[in-house]
């Protein structure tokens, strides 16, 4: 592990001790643990990005950190199934609108569009992206896109104000490296090391402070847009692929962890999902010349059980399951405080 190109790449991005810890937590396919050579494959960069984003979720969600620590004490490594994030199909300052802000990264890394998942109750569309080279071994991305045109004019105006200050974490040099990666399916080490931190930065909030009034306008019509307003394109959740979801949920419930009561089951019966409820986080807003701090929903951690569809693992998602899981970030009653 320590001699692999993947470890070198990840440790340069997040630090050696953090990389060692993350490798100890996650299953990594042996085919991704290749010796250091002159080039870094797109699969290695994709895996390093996924591992960094998984670690970020565990650092932000205490229940996830506790669960991961349990597994480590038991000598078990987690199977990272997918990460999910939210985007908005609307002008967003310097950032490309909607899923394009993310898919411009995923395509050169070797991810291909797998399937759409309409989420009409949420006025969103989910899309799955699966890695072409290692579909079962490299975690998928579930990228959802909210459609403001389906909401009121006041909602649309609030979305415009909130997103207008968005910056683009990718510079022209980064885009040139992504084009090279898409063409050659690999990069020289210098390019890979320069690019990865900027790819990680894409999965964050890119806009600045905004008004509490705009937040309340968004929250009235869409808890999902309100979440995007405070959290941006950060991983909404990361997901552990498990063998027995019923037993796991019962154990987490017995430990007093905030796991949802219901297990979501796909229409095919092949995919089952549940999750911890979102952690509450402190975020700042502007109000009447002051900066206010308010507790709002942050990210959460999910569990999924997938059955085999013949010889292949069923890597599909389910729109009804996704709609149910989205409720993990429903806003709780919160108080704003001046600071």
C-alpha atoms as a PDB file:
ATOM      1  CA  UNK A   1       0.000   0.000   0.000  1.00  0.00           C
ATOM      2  CA  UNK A   2       2.632   2.538   1.066  1.00  0.00           C
ATOM      3  CA  UNK A   3       4.620   1.891  -2.118  1.00  0.00           C
ATOM      4  CA  UNK A   4       1.661   2.440  -4.447  1.00  0.00           C
ATOM      5  CA  UNK A   5       1.068   5.396  -6.691  1.00  0.00           C
ATOM      6  CA  UNK A   6      -2.394   5.777  -5.171  1.00  0.00           C
ATOM      7  CA  UNK A   7      -0.971   6.217  -1.683  1.00  0.00           C
ATOM      8  CA  UNK A   8       1.559   8.761  -2.916  1.00  0.00           C
ATOM      9  CA  UNK A   9      -1.177  10.711  -4.692  1.00  0.00           C
ATOM     10  CA  UNK A  10      -3.560  10.735  -1.734  1.00  0.00           C
ATOM     11  CA  UNK A  11      -0.881  11.539   0.840  1.00  0.00           C
ATOM     12  CA  UNK A  12       0.310  14.526  -1.188  1.00  0.00           C
ATOM     13  CA  UNK A  13      -3.281  15.841  -1.250  1.00  0.00           C
ATOM     14  CA  UNK A  14      -4.401  15.274   2.368  1.00  0.00           C
ATOM     15  CA  UNK A  15      -1.200  14.449   4.263  1.00  0.00           C
ATOM     16  CA  UNK A  16       0.536  11.180   5.003  1.00  0.00           C
ATOM     17  CA  UNK A  17      -1.110  10.418   8.358  1.00  0.00           C
ATOM     18  CA  UNK A  18      -4.580  11.149   6.974  1.00  0.00           C
ATOM     19  CA  UNK A  19      -3.868   8.947   3.957  1.00  0.00           C
ATOM     20  CA  UNK A  20      -2.709   6.063   6.158  1.00  0.00           C
ATOM     21  CA  UNK A  21      -5.865   6.384   8.250  1.00  0.00           C
ATOM     22  CA  UNK A  22      -8.127   6.486   5.195  1.00  0.00           C
ATOM     23  CA  UNK A  23      -6.471   3.425   3.669  1.00  0.00           C
ATOM     24  CA  UNK A  24      -7.048   1.639   6.983  1.00  0.00           C
ATOM     25  CA  UNK A  25     -10.761   2.488   6.794  1.00  0.00           C
ATOM     26  CA  UNK A  26     -11.600   1.638   3.181  1.00  0.00           C
ATOM     27  CA  UNK A  27     -11.383  -1.375   0.927  1.00  0.00           C
ATOM     28  CA  UNK A  28      -9.206  -0.632  -2.097  1.00  0.00           C
ATOM     29  CA  UNK A  29      -9.125  -2.931  -5.114  1.00  0.00           C
ATOM     30  CA  UNK A  30      -5.669  -4.532  -5.569  1.00  0.00           C
ATOM     31  CA  UNK A  31      -5.753  -3.450  -9.219  1.00  0.00           C
ATOM     32  CA  UNK A  32      -5.565   0.167  -8.025  1.00  0.00           C
ATOM     33  CA  UNK A  33      -2.479  -0.412  -5.890  1.00  0.00           C
ATOM     34  CA  UNK A  34       0.144  -0.204  -8.604  1.00  0.00           C
ATOM     35  CA  UNK A  35       3.804   0.794  -8.161  1.00  0.00           C
ATOM     36  CA  UNK A  36       4.763   4.392  -8.869  1.00  0.00           C
ATOM     37  CA  UNK A  37       5.527   4.890 -12.568  1.00  0.00           C
ATOM     38  CA  UNK A  38       5.945   7.957 -14.761  1.00  0.00           C
ATOM     39  CA  UNK A  39       2.179   8.287 -15.323  1.00  0.00           C
ATOM     40  CA  UNK A  40      -0.867   8.319 -13.042  1.00  0.00           C
ATOM     41  CA  UNK A  41      -3.987   6.630 -14.432  1.00  0.00           C
ATOM     42  CA  UNK A  42      -7.410   8.227 -14.425  1.00  0.00           C
ATOM     43  CA  UNK A  43      -8.618   5.409 -12.160  1.00  0.00           C
ATOM     44  CA  UNK A  44      -5.955   6.208  -9.566  1.00  0.00           C
ATOM     45  CA  UNK A  45      -6.887   9.893  -9.593  1.00  0.00           C
ATOM     46  CA  UNK A  46     -10.600   9.008  -9.355  1.00  0.00           C
ATOM     47  CA  UNK A  47      -9.960   6.697  -6.403  1.00  0.00           C
ATOM     48  CA  UNK A  48      -7.800   9.267  -4.621  1.00  0.00           C
ATOM     49  CA  UNK A  49     -10.525  11.895  -5.069  1.00  0.00           C
ATOM     50  CA  UNK A  50     -13.177   9.531  -3.729  1.00  0.00           C
ATOM     51  CA  UNK A  51     -11.090   8.606  -0.702  1.00  0.00           C
ATOM     52  CA  UNK A  52     -10.477  12.274   0.130  1.00  0.00           C
ATOM     53  CA  UNK A  53     -14.191  13.065  -0.171  1.00  0.00           C
ATOM     54  CA  UNK A  54     -15.140  10.053   1.953  1.00  0.00           C
ATOM     55  CA  UNK A  55     -12.763  11.211   4.669  1.00  0.00           C
ATOM     56  CA  UNK A  56     -14.256  14.700   4.519  1.00  0.00           C
ATOM     57  CA  UNK A  57     -17.738  13.312   5.271  1.00  0.00           C
ATOM     58  CA  UNK A  58     -16.516  11.256   8.231  1.00  0.00           C
ATOM     59  CA  UNK A  59     -14.822  14.346   9.670  1.00  0.00           C
ATOM     60  CA  UNK A  60     -18.026  16.365   9.353  1.00  0.00           C
ATOM     61  CA  UNK A  61     -20.545  13.741  10.562  1.00  0.00           C
ATOM     62  CA  UNK A  62     -19.886  12.484  14.122  1.00  0.00           C
ATOM     63  CA  UNK A  63     -22.147   9.426  13.787  1.00  0.00           C
ATOM     64  CA  UNK A  64     -20.224   8.397  10.686  1.00  0.00           C
ATOM     65  CA  UNK A  65     -16.902   8.812  12.496  1.00  0.00           C
ATOM     66  CA  UNK A  66     -18.177   6.656  15.367  1.00  0.00           C
ATOM     67  CA  UNK A  67     -19.397   3.957  12.980  1.00  0.00           C
ATOM     68  CA  UNK A  68     -16.121   3.907  11.052  1.00  0.00           C
ATOM     69  CA  UNK A  69     -14.201   3.653  14.342  1.00  0.00           C
ATOM     70  CA  UNK A  70     -16.382   0.668  15.321  1.00  0.00           C
ATOM     71  CA  UNK A  71     -15.489  -1.090  12.086  1.00  0.00           C
ATOM     72  CA  UNK A  72     -11.791  -0.418  12.544  1.00  0.00           C
ATOM     73  CA  UNK A  73     -11.833  -1.852  16.059  1.00  0.00           C
ATOM     74  CA  UNK A  74     -13.511  -4.948  14.637  1.00  0.00           C
ATOM     75  CA  UNK A  75     -10.836  -5.244  11.956  1.00  0.00           C
ATOM     76  CA  UNK A  76     -13.297  -4.462   9.158  1.00  0.00           C
ATOM     77  CA  UNK A  77     -12.806  -2.137   6.190  1.00  0.00           C
ATOM     78  CA  UNK A  78     -15.715  -0.308   4.578  1.00  0.00           C
ATOM     79  CA  UNK A  79     -16.832  -0.655   0.975  1.00  0.00           C
ATOM     80  CA  UNK A  80     -17.425   2.901  -0.282  1.00  0.00           C
ATOM     81  CA  UNK A  81     -20.415   2.526  -2.610  1.00  0.00           C
ATOM     82  CA  UNK A  82     -21.232   6.075  -3.694  1.00  0.00           C
ATOM     83  CA  UNK A  83     -21.140   9.721  -2.784  1.00  0.00           C
ATOM     84  CA  UNK A  84     -23.993  12.134  -3.437  1.00  0.00           C
ATOM     85  CA  UNK A  85     -24.113  15.877  -4.018  1.00  0.00           C
ATOM     86  CA  UNK A  86     -26.600  18.525  -5.077  1.00  0.00           C
ATOM     87  CA  UNK A  87     -26.409  21.138  -7.834  1.00  0.00           C
ATOM     88  CA  UNK A  88     -28.722  23.833  -9.216  1.00  0.00           C
ATOM     89  CA  UNK A  89     -29.625  24.208 -12.898  1.00  0.00           C
ATOM     90  CA  UNK A  90     -29.365  28.001 -12.736  1.00  0.00           C
ATOM     91  CA  UNK A  91     -26.781  30.717 -13.486  1.00  0.00           C
ATOM     92  CA  UNK A  92     -24.163  30.492 -10.733  1.00  0.00           C
ATOM     93  CA  UNK A  93     -21.695  33.344 -11.033  1.00  0.00           C
ATOM     94  CA  UNK A  94     -18.341  32.094 -12.358  1.00  0.00           C
ATOM     95  CA  UNK A  95     -19.301  28.462 -11.767  1.00  0.00           C
ATOM     96  CA  UNK A  96     -20.861  26.398 -14.586  1.00  0.00           C
ATOM     97  CA  UNK A  97     -24.578  25.962 -13.938  1.00  0.00           C
ATOM     98  CA  UNK A  98     -26.019  22.750 -12.586  1.00  0.00           C
ATOM     99  CA  UNK A  99     -24.363  19.361 -12.872  1.00  0.00           C
ATOM    100  CA  UNK A 100     -21.869  20.696 -15.418  1.00  0.00           C
ATOM    101  CA  UNK A 101     -19.807  22.069 -12.523  1.00  0.00           C
ATOM    102  CA  UNK A 102     -19.221  18.436 -11.480  1.00  0.00           C
ATOM    103  CA  UNK A 103     -19.511  16.381 -14.669  1.00  0.00           C
ATOM    104  CA  UNK A 104     -16.640  18.342 -16.276  1.00  0.00           C
ATOM    105  CA  UNK A 105     -14.531  16.657 -13.569  1.00  0.00           C
ATOM    106  CA  UNK A 106     -16.139  13.219 -13.640  1.00  0.00           C
ATOM    107  CA  UNK A 107     -15.875  12.560 -17.391  1.00  0.00           C
ATOM    108  CA  UNK A 108     -12.066  12.953 -17.671  1.00  0.00           C
ATOM    109  CA  UNK A 109     -11.658  10.779 -14.569  1.00  0.00           C
ATOM    110  CA  UNK A 110     -13.357   7.907 -16.416  1.00  0.00           C
ATOM    111  CA  UNK A 111     -16.886   8.169 -15.035  1.00  0.00           C
ATOM    112  CA  UNK A 112     -19.706   7.633 -17.503  1.00  0.00           C
ATOM    113  CA  UNK A 113     -23.327   8.635 -17.235  1.00  0.00           C
ATOM    114  CA  UNK A 114     -25.223   5.531 -16.121  1.00  0.00           C
ATOM    115  CA  UNK A 115     -28.889   6.485 -15.718  1.00  0.00           C
ATOM    116  CA  UNK A 116     -31.285   9.344 -14.876  1.00  0.00           C
ATOM    117  CA  UNK A 117     -33.544   9.258 -11.809  1.00  0.00           C
ATOM    118  CA  UNK A 118     -36.400  11.790 -11.958  1.00  0.00           C
ATOM    119  CA  UNK A 119     -37.305  13.178  -8.517  1.00  0.00           C
ATOM    120  CA  UNK A 120     -40.531  15.078  -9.322  1.00  0.00           C
ATOM    121  CA  UNK A 121     -41.641  15.497  -5.695  1.00  0.00           C
ATOM    122  CA  UNK A 122     -38.443  17.429  -5.059  1.00  0.00           C
ATOM    123  CA  UNK A 123     -38.433  19.159  -8.476  1.00  0.00           C
ATOM    124  CA  UNK A 124     -35.021  17.642  -9.081  1.00  0.00           C
ATOM    125  CA  UNK A 125     -33.311  15.127 -11.351  1.00  0.00           C
ATOM    126  CA  UNK A 126     -30.742  12.655 -10.078  1.00  0.00           C
ATOM    127  CA  UNK A 127     -28.083  11.155 -12.338  1.00  0.00           C
ATOM    128  CA  UNK A 128     -25.739   8.283 -11.585  1.00  0.00           C
ATOM    129  CA  UNK A 129     -22.131   8.297 -12.788  1.00  0.00           C
ATOM    130  CA  UNK A 130     -20.241   4.999 -12.754  1.00  0.00           C
ATOM    131  CA  UNK A 131     -16.533   4.443 -13.398  1.00  0.00           C
ATOM    132  CA  UNK A 132     -15.887   2.824 -16.760  1.00  0.00           C
ATOM    133  CA  UNK A 133     -12.712   0.949 -15.742  1.00  0.00           C
ATOM    134  CA  UNK A 134     -13.718  -0.249 -12.254  1.00  0.00           C
ATOM    135  CA  UNK A 135     -17.539   0.012 -11.957  1.00  0.00           C
ATOM    136  CA  UNK A 136     -17.851  -2.100  -8.795  1.00  0.00           C
ATOM    137  CA  UNK A 137     -14.627  -1.040  -7.105  1.00  0.00           C
ATOM    138  CA  UNK A 138     -14.608   2.774  -7.500  1.00  0.00           C
ATOM    139  CA  UNK A 139     -17.499   4.527  -5.761  1.00  0.00           C
ATOM    140  CA  UNK A 140     -20.190   5.992  -7.994  1.00  0.00           C
ATOM    141  CA  UNK A 141     -21.404   9.588  -7.898  1.00  0.00           C
ATOM    142  CA  UNK A 142     -25.089  10.422  -7.535  1.00  0.00           C
ATOM    143  CA  UNK A 143     -25.405  14.003  -8.812  1.00  0.00           C
ATOM    144  CA  UNK A 144     -28.772  15.656  -8.317  1.00  0.00           C
ATOM    145  CA  UNK A 145     -29.861  18.859  -9.997  1.00  0.00           C
ATOM    146  CA  UNK A 146     -32.592  21.182  -8.723  1.00  0.00           C
ATOM    147  CA  UNK A 147     -34.824  22.994 -11.243  1.00  0.00           C
ATOM    148  CA  UNK A 148     -35.652  26.539 -10.014  1.00  0.00           C
ATOM    149  CA  UNK A 149     -37.851  27.231 -13.042  1.00  0.00           C
ATOM    150  CA  UNK A 150     -40.442  24.957 -11.423  1.00  0.00           C
ATOM    151  CA  UNK A 151     -40.676  27.215  -8.368  1.00  0.00           C
ATOM    152  CA  UNK A 152     -42.078  30.708  -7.746  1.00  0.00           C
ATOM    153  CA  UNK A 153     -40.533  33.901  -9.105  1.00  0.00           C
ATOM    154  CA  UNK A 154     -39.547  35.010  -5.592  1.00  0.00           C
ATOM    155  CA  UNK A 155     -37.779  31.675  -5.094  1.00  0.00           C
ATOM    156  CA  UNK A 156     -35.945  32.095  -8.402  1.00  0.00           C
ATOM    157  CA  UNK A 157     -34.848  35.602  -7.436  1.00  0.00           C
ATOM    158  CA  UNK A 158     -33.489  34.312  -4.126  1.00  0.00           C
ATOM    159  CA  UNK A 159     -31.585  31.534  -5.925  1.00  0.00           C
ATOM    160  CA  UNK A 160     -30.035  34.135  -8.241  1.00  0.00           C
ATOM    161  CA  UNK A 161     -28.898  36.305  -5.333  1.00  0.00           C
ATOM    162  CA  UNK A 162     -27.472  33.381  -3.359  1.00  0.00           C
ATOM    163  CA  UNK A 163     -25.509  31.847  -6.248  1.00  0.00           C
ATOM    164  CA  UNK A 164     -24.349  35.027  -7.972  1.00  0.00           C
ATOM    165  CA  UNK A 165     -21.109  35.250  -5.980  1.00  0.00           C
ATOM    166  CA  UNK A 166     -19.998  31.709  -6.886  1.00  0.00           C
ATOM    167  CA  UNK A 167     -16.339  31.301  -7.787  1.00  0.00           C
ATOM    168  CA  UNK A 168     -14.842  28.607  -9.978  1.00  0.00           C
ATOM    169  CA  UNK A 169     -12.215  26.489  -8.177  1.00  0.00           C
ATOM    170  CA  UNK A 170     -10.835  25.314 -11.531  1.00  0.00           C
ATOM    171  CA  UNK A 171      -8.499  27.612 -13.434  1.00  0.00           C
ATOM    172  CA  UNK A 172      -7.520  27.394 -17.140  1.00  0.00           C
ATOM    173  CA  UNK A 173      -4.480  25.280 -16.249  1.00  0.00           C
ATOM    174  CA  UNK A 174      -6.725  22.780 -14.453  1.00  0.00           C
ATOM    175  CA  UNK A 175      -9.048  22.557 -17.430  1.00  0.00           C
ATOM    176  CA  UNK A 176      -6.059  21.909 -19.701  1.00  0.00           C
ATOM    177  CA  UNK A 177      -4.980  19.046 -17.443  1.00  0.00           C
ATOM    178  CA  UNK A 178      -8.513  17.615 -17.491  1.00  0.00           C
ATOM    179  CA  UNK A 179      -8.503  17.754 -21.296  1.00  0.00           C
ATOM    180  CA  UNK A 180      -5.167  15.945 -21.322  1.00  0.00           C
ATOM    181  CA  UNK A 181      -6.519  13.343 -18.898  1.00  0.00           C
ATOM    182  CA  UNK A 182      -9.614  12.802 -21.030  1.00  0.00           C
ATOM    183  CA  UNK A 183      -7.427  12.285 -24.105  1.00  0.00           C
ATOM    184  CA  UNK A 184      -4.628  10.131 -22.649  1.00  0.00           C
ATOM    185  CA  UNK A 185      -6.439   8.493 -19.686  1.00  0.00           C
ATOM    186  CA  UNK A 186      -3.419   9.361 -17.558  1.00  0.00           C
ATOM    187  CA  UNK A 187      -1.278  12.296 -16.437  1.00  0.00           C
ATOM    188  CA  UNK A 188       2.381  12.790 -15.582  1.00  0.00           C
ATOM    189  CA  UNK A 189       2.968  12.989 -11.834  1.00  0.00           C
ATOM    190  CA  UNK A 190       3.442  16.747 -11.751  1.00  0.00           C
ATOM    191  CA  UNK A 191       0.083  17.288 -13.427  1.00  0.00           C
ATOM    192  CA  UNK A 192      -1.769  14.787 -11.233  1.00  0.00           C
ATOM    193  CA  UNK A 193      -0.341  16.262  -8.028  1.00  0.00           C
ATOM    194  CA  UNK A 194      -1.249  19.791  -9.118  1.00  0.00           C
ATOM    195  CA  UNK A 195      -4.760  18.861 -10.233  1.00  0.00           C
ATOM    196  CA  UNK A 196      -6.084  16.687  -7.390  1.00  0.00           C
ATOM    197  CA  UNK A 197      -6.387  19.409  -4.688  1.00  0.00           C
ATOM    198  CA  UNK A 198      -8.354  21.562  -7.126  1.00  0.00           C
ATOM    199  CA  UNK A 199     -10.672  18.643  -7.930  1.00  0.00           C
ATOM    200  CA  UNK A 200     -11.296  18.153  -4.208  1.00  0.00           C
ATOM    201  CA  UNK A 201     -12.108  21.876  -3.944  1.00  0.00           C
ATOM    202  CA  UNK A 202     -14.942  21.440  -6.481  1.00  0.00           C
ATOM    203  CA  UNK A 203     -16.906  19.531  -3.835  1.00  0.00           C
ATOM    204  CA  UNK A 204     -17.545  22.463  -1.537  1.00  0.00           C
ATOM    205  CA  UNK A 205     -19.622  25.616  -1.278  1.00  0.00           C
ATOM    206  CA  UNK A 206     -18.440  28.138  -3.855  1.00  0.00           C
ATOM    207  CA  UNK A 207     -20.633  31.155  -3.016  1.00  0.00           C
ATOM    208  CA  UNK A 208     -20.304  33.650  -0.175  1.00  0.00           C
ATOM    209  CA  UNK A 209     -22.548  34.899   2.623  1.00  0.00           C
ATOM    210  CA  UNK A 210     -26.158  35.704   1.765  1.00  0.00           C
ATOM    211  CA  UNK A 211     -29.207  37.047   3.540  1.00  0.00           C
ATOM    212  CA  UNK A 212     -31.256  35.178   6.093  1.00  0.00           C
ATOM    213  CA  UNK A 213     -34.358  36.388   4.261  1.00  0.00           C
ATOM    214  CA  UNK A 214     -33.254  34.644   1.074  1.00  0.00           C
ATOM    215  CA  UNK A 215     -32.542  31.479   3.040  1.00  0.00           C
ATOM    216  CA  UNK A 216     -36.016  31.548   4.553  1.00  0.00           C
ATOM    217  CA  UNK A 217     -37.547  32.094   1.113  1.00  0.00           C
ATOM    218  CA  UNK A 218     -35.726  29.045  -0.211  1.00  0.00           C
ATOM    219  CA  UNK A 219     -36.573  26.930   2.828  1.00  0.00           C
ATOM    220  CA  UNK A 220     -40.288  27.687   2.467  1.00  0.00           C
ATOM    221  CA  UNK A 221     -40.401  26.035  -0.956  1.00  0.00           C
ATOM    222  CA  UNK A 222     -37.466  23.595  -0.987  1.00  0.00           C
ATOM    223  CA  UNK A 223     -35.501  22.113   1.897  1.00  0.00           C
ATOM    224  CA  UNK A 224     -33.089  20.812  -0.738  1.00  0.00           C
ATOM    225  CA  UNK A 225     -32.324  24.282  -2.150  1.00  0.00           C
ATOM    226  CA  UNK A 226     -31.943  25.627   1.381  1.00  0.00           C
ATOM    227  CA  UNK A 227     -29.384  22.889   2.000  1.00  0.00           C
ATOM    228  CA  UNK A 228     -27.500  23.777  -1.178  1.00  0.00           C
ATOM    229  CA  UNK A 229     -27.493  27.425  -0.092  1.00  0.00           C
ATOM    230  CA  UNK A 230     -25.556  26.617   3.090  1.00  0.00           C
ATOM    231  CA  UNK A 231     -23.522  23.576   1.958  1.00  0.00           C
ATOM    232  CA  UNK A 232     -23.038  24.041  -1.787  1.00  0.00           C
ATOM    233  CA  UNK A 233     -21.629  21.092  -3.749  1.00  0.00           C
ATOM    234  CA  UNK A 234     -20.179  19.313  -0.710  1.00  0.00           C
ATOM    235  CA  UNK A 235     -20.907  15.609  -0.433  1.00  0.00           C
ATOM    236  CA  UNK A 236     -24.440  15.427   0.888  1.00  0.00           C
ATOM    237  CA  UNK A 237     -23.606  11.917   2.041  1.00  0.00           C
ATOM    238  CA  UNK A 238     -21.197   9.033   1.597  1.00  0.00           C
ATOM    239  CA  UNK A 239     -22.458   5.453   1.567  1.00  0.00           C
ATOM    240  CA  UNK A 240     -21.156   2.170   2.945  1.00  0.00           C
ATOM    241  CA  UNK A 241     -22.069  -0.978   0.968  1.00  0.00           C
ATOM    242  CA  UNK A 242     -23.032  -3.689   3.491  1.00  0.00           C
ATOM    243  CA  UNK A 243     -24.134  -7.325   3.431  1.00  0.00           C
ATOM    244  CA  UNK A 244     -27.002  -7.278   5.966  1.00  0.00           C
ATOM    245  CA  UNK A 245     -28.738  -3.925   6.259  1.00  0.00           C
ATOM    246  CA  UNK A 246     -31.422  -5.091   8.693  1.00  0.00           C
ATOM    247  CA  UNK A 247     -28.871  -6.288  11.236  1.00  0.00           C
ATOM    248  CA  UNK A 248     -26.716  -3.225  10.817  1.00  0.00           C
ATOM    249  CA  UNK A 249     -29.650  -0.842  11.307  1.00  0.00           C
ATOM    250  CA  UNK A 250     -30.769  -2.715  14.425  1.00  0.00           C
ATOM    251  CA  UNK A 251     -27.256  -2.560  15.875  1.00  0.00           C
ATOM    252  CA  UNK A 252     -26.884   1.160  15.187  1.00  0.00           C
ATOM    253  CA  UNK A 253     -30.299   1.798  16.715  1.00  0.00           C
ATOM    254  CA  UNK A 254     -29.308  -0.164  19.835  1.00  0.00           C
ATOM    255  CA  UNK A 255     -26.200   2.013  20.117  1.00  0.00           C
ATOM    256  CA  UNK A 256     -28.429   5.090  20.157  1.00  0.00           C
ATOM    257  CA  UNK A 257     -27.221   6.466  16.860  1.00  0.00           C
ATOM    258  CA  UNK A 258     -29.586   8.636  14.769  1.00  0.00           C
ATOM    259  CA  UNK A 259     -30.514   6.064  12.116  1.00  0.00           C
ATOM    260  CA  UNK A 260     -33.841   6.399  10.332  1.00  0.00           C
ATOM    261  CA  UNK A 261     -36.578   3.974  11.276  1.00  0.00           C
ATOM    262  CA  UNK A 262     -37.489   2.876   7.779  1.00  0.00           C
ATOM    263  CA  UNK A 263     -35.369   0.980   5.260  1.00  0.00           C
ATOM    264  CA  UNK A 264     -36.018   2.132   1.697  1.00  0.00           C
ATOM    265  CA  UNK A 265     -36.475  -0.770  -0.753  1.00  0.00           C
ATOM    266  CA  UNK A 266     -36.212  -0.330  -4.529  1.00  0.00           C
ATOM    267  CA  UNK A 267     -39.010  -1.356  -6.874  1.00  0.00           C
ATOM    268  CA  UNK A 268     -36.891  -4.314  -7.984  1.00  0.00           C
ATOM    269  CA  UNK A 269     -36.203  -5.367  -4.387  1.00  0.00           C
ATOM    270  CA  UNK A 270     -32.511  -5.491  -5.278  1.00  0.00           C
ATOM    271  CA  UNK A 271     -31.396  -2.295  -3.518  1.00  0.00           C
ATOM    272  CA  UNK A 272     -32.054  -1.422   0.123  1.00  0.00           C
ATOM    273  CA  UNK A 273     -30.979   1.809   1.817  1.00  0.00           C
ATOM    274  CA  UNK A 274     -31.068   3.592   5.170  1.00  0.00           C
ATOM    275  CA  UNK A 275     -29.071   6.396   6.760  1.00  0.00           C
ATOM    276  CA  UNK A 276     -28.091   8.373   9.811  1.00  0.00           C
ATOM    277  CA  UNK A 277     -29.916  11.664  10.089  1.00  0.00           C
ATOM    278  CA  UNK A 278     -27.984  14.773   9.099  1.00  0.00           C
ATOM    279  CA  UNK A 279     -25.695  16.400  11.617  1.00  0.00           C
ATOM    280  CA  UNK A 280     -26.710  19.919  12.669  1.00  0.00           C
ATOM    281  CA  UNK A 281     -24.097  22.552  11.814  1.00  0.00           C
ATOM    282  CA  UNK A 282     -23.626  26.269  12.472  1.00  0.00           C
ATOM    283  CA  UNK A 283     -23.815  28.531   9.430  1.00  0.00           C
ATOM    284  CA  UNK A 284     -23.695  32.324   9.056  1.00  0.00           C
ATOM    285  CA  UNK A 285     -26.225  34.636   7.398  1.00  0.00           C
ATOM    286  CA  UNK A 286     -26.560  38.360   6.819  1.00  0.00           C
ATOM    287  CA  UNK A 287     -29.462  40.173   8.478  1.00  0.00           C
ATOM    288  CA  UNK A 288     -29.997  43.922   8.960  1.00  0.00           C
ATOM    289  CA  UNK A 289     -26.310  44.723   8.923  1.00  0.00           C
ATOM    290  CA  UNK A 290     -25.357  41.874  11.252  1.00  0.00           C
ATOM    291  CA  UNK A 291     -23.900  38.425  10.806  1.00  0.00           C
ATOM    292  CA  UNK A 292     -26.191  35.824  12.370  1.00  0.00           C
ATOM    293  CA  UNK A 293     -25.337  32.235  13.185  1.00  0.00           C
ATOM    294  CA  UNK A 294     -28.014  29.566  12.848  1.00  0.00           C
ATOM    295  CA  UNK A 295     -28.099  25.803  13.231  1.00  0.00           C
ATOM    296  CA  UNK A 296     -29.031  24.075   9.973  1.00  0.00           C
ATOM    297  CA  UNK A 297     -28.788  20.513   8.580  1.00  0.00           C
ATOM    298  CA  UNK A 298     -25.390  19.428   7.301  1.00  0.00           C
ATOM    299  CA  UNK A 299     -24.347  16.137   5.715  1.00  0.00           C
ATOM    300  CA  UNK A 300     -25.155  12.572   6.727  1.00  0.00           C
ATOM    301  CA  UNK A 301     -24.009   8.991   6.236  1.00  0.00           C
ATOM    302  CA  UNK A 302     -25.843   6.245   4.378  1.00  0.00           C
ATOM    303  CA  UNK A 303     -25.844   2.451   4.150  1.00  0.00           C
ATOM    304  CA  UNK A 304     -26.815   0.400   1.122  1.00  0.00           C
ATOM    305  CA  UNK A 305     -27.296  -3.298   0.441  1.00  0.00           C
ATOM    306  CA  UNK A 306     -27.034  -4.377  -3.195  1.00  0.00           C
ATOM    307  CA  UNK A 307     -27.920  -7.785  -4.572  1.00  0.00           C
ATOM    308  CA  UNK A 308     -26.347  -9.409  -7.604  1.00  0.00           C
ATOM    309  CA  UNK A 309     -28.118  -9.214 -10.955  1.00  0.00           C
ATOM    310  CA  UNK A 310     -26.785 -12.424 -12.437  1.00  0.00           C
ATOM    311  CA  UNK A 311     -22.997 -12.276 -12.258  1.00  0.00           C
ATOM    312  CA  UNK A 312     -22.902  -8.506 -11.814  1.00  0.00           C
ATOM    313  CA  UNK A 313     -23.650  -6.419  -8.763  1.00  0.00           C
ATOM    314  CA  UNK A 314     -26.829  -4.374  -9.220  1.00  0.00           C
ATOM    315  CA  UNK A 315     -25.360  -0.862  -9.287  1.00  0.00           C
ATOM    316  CA  UNK A 316     -28.630   0.880 -10.053  1.00  0.00           C
ATOM    317  CA  UNK A 317     -30.348   3.418  -7.838  1.00  0.00           C
ATOM    318  CA  UNK A 318     -34.055   3.962  -7.229  1.00  0.00           C
ATOM    319  CA  UNK A 319     -35.873   7.302  -7.441  1.00  0.00           C
ATOM    320  CA  UNK A 320     -38.273   6.495  -4.595  1.00  0.00           C
ATOM    321  CA  UNK A 321     -35.385   5.396  -2.382  1.00  0.00           C
ATOM    322  CA  UNK A 322     -33.519   8.610  -3.174  1.00  0.00           C
ATOM    323  CA  UNK A 323     -36.555  10.743  -2.343  1.00  0.00           C
ATOM    324  CA  UNK A 324     -36.855   9.031   1.028  1.00  0.00           C
ATOM    325  CA  UNK A 325     -33.148   9.414   1.775  1.00  0.00           C
ATOM    326  CA  UNK A 326     -33.265  13.119   0.895  1.00  0.00           C
ATOM    327  CA  UNK A 327     -35.477  13.646   3.954  1.00  0.00           C
ATOM    328  CA  UNK A 328     -32.402  13.127   6.154  1.00  0.00           C
ATOM    329  CA  UNK A 329     -31.593  16.811   5.677  1.00  0.00           C
ATOM    330  CA  UNK A 330     -35.068  18.168   6.430  1.00  0.00           C
ATOM    331  CA  UNK A 331     -34.746  21.385   8.408  1.00  0.00           C
ATOM    332  CA  UNK A 332     -35.330  21.207  12.134  1.00  0.00           C
ATOM    333  CA  UNK A 333     -36.476  24.206  14.166  1.00  0.00           C
ATOM    334  CA  UNK A 334     -33.483  26.447  14.722  1.00  0.00           C
ATOM    335  CA  UNK A 335     -32.693  29.691  16.481  1.00  0.00           C
ATOM    336  CA  UNK A 336     -30.558  32.438  14.988  1.00  0.00           C
ATOM    337  CA  UNK A 337     -28.037  34.258  17.156  1.00  0.00           C
ATOM    338  CA  UNK A 338     -26.086  37.426  16.428  1.00  0.00           C
ATOM    339  CA  UNK A 339     -22.307  37.083  16.567  1.00  0.00           C
END
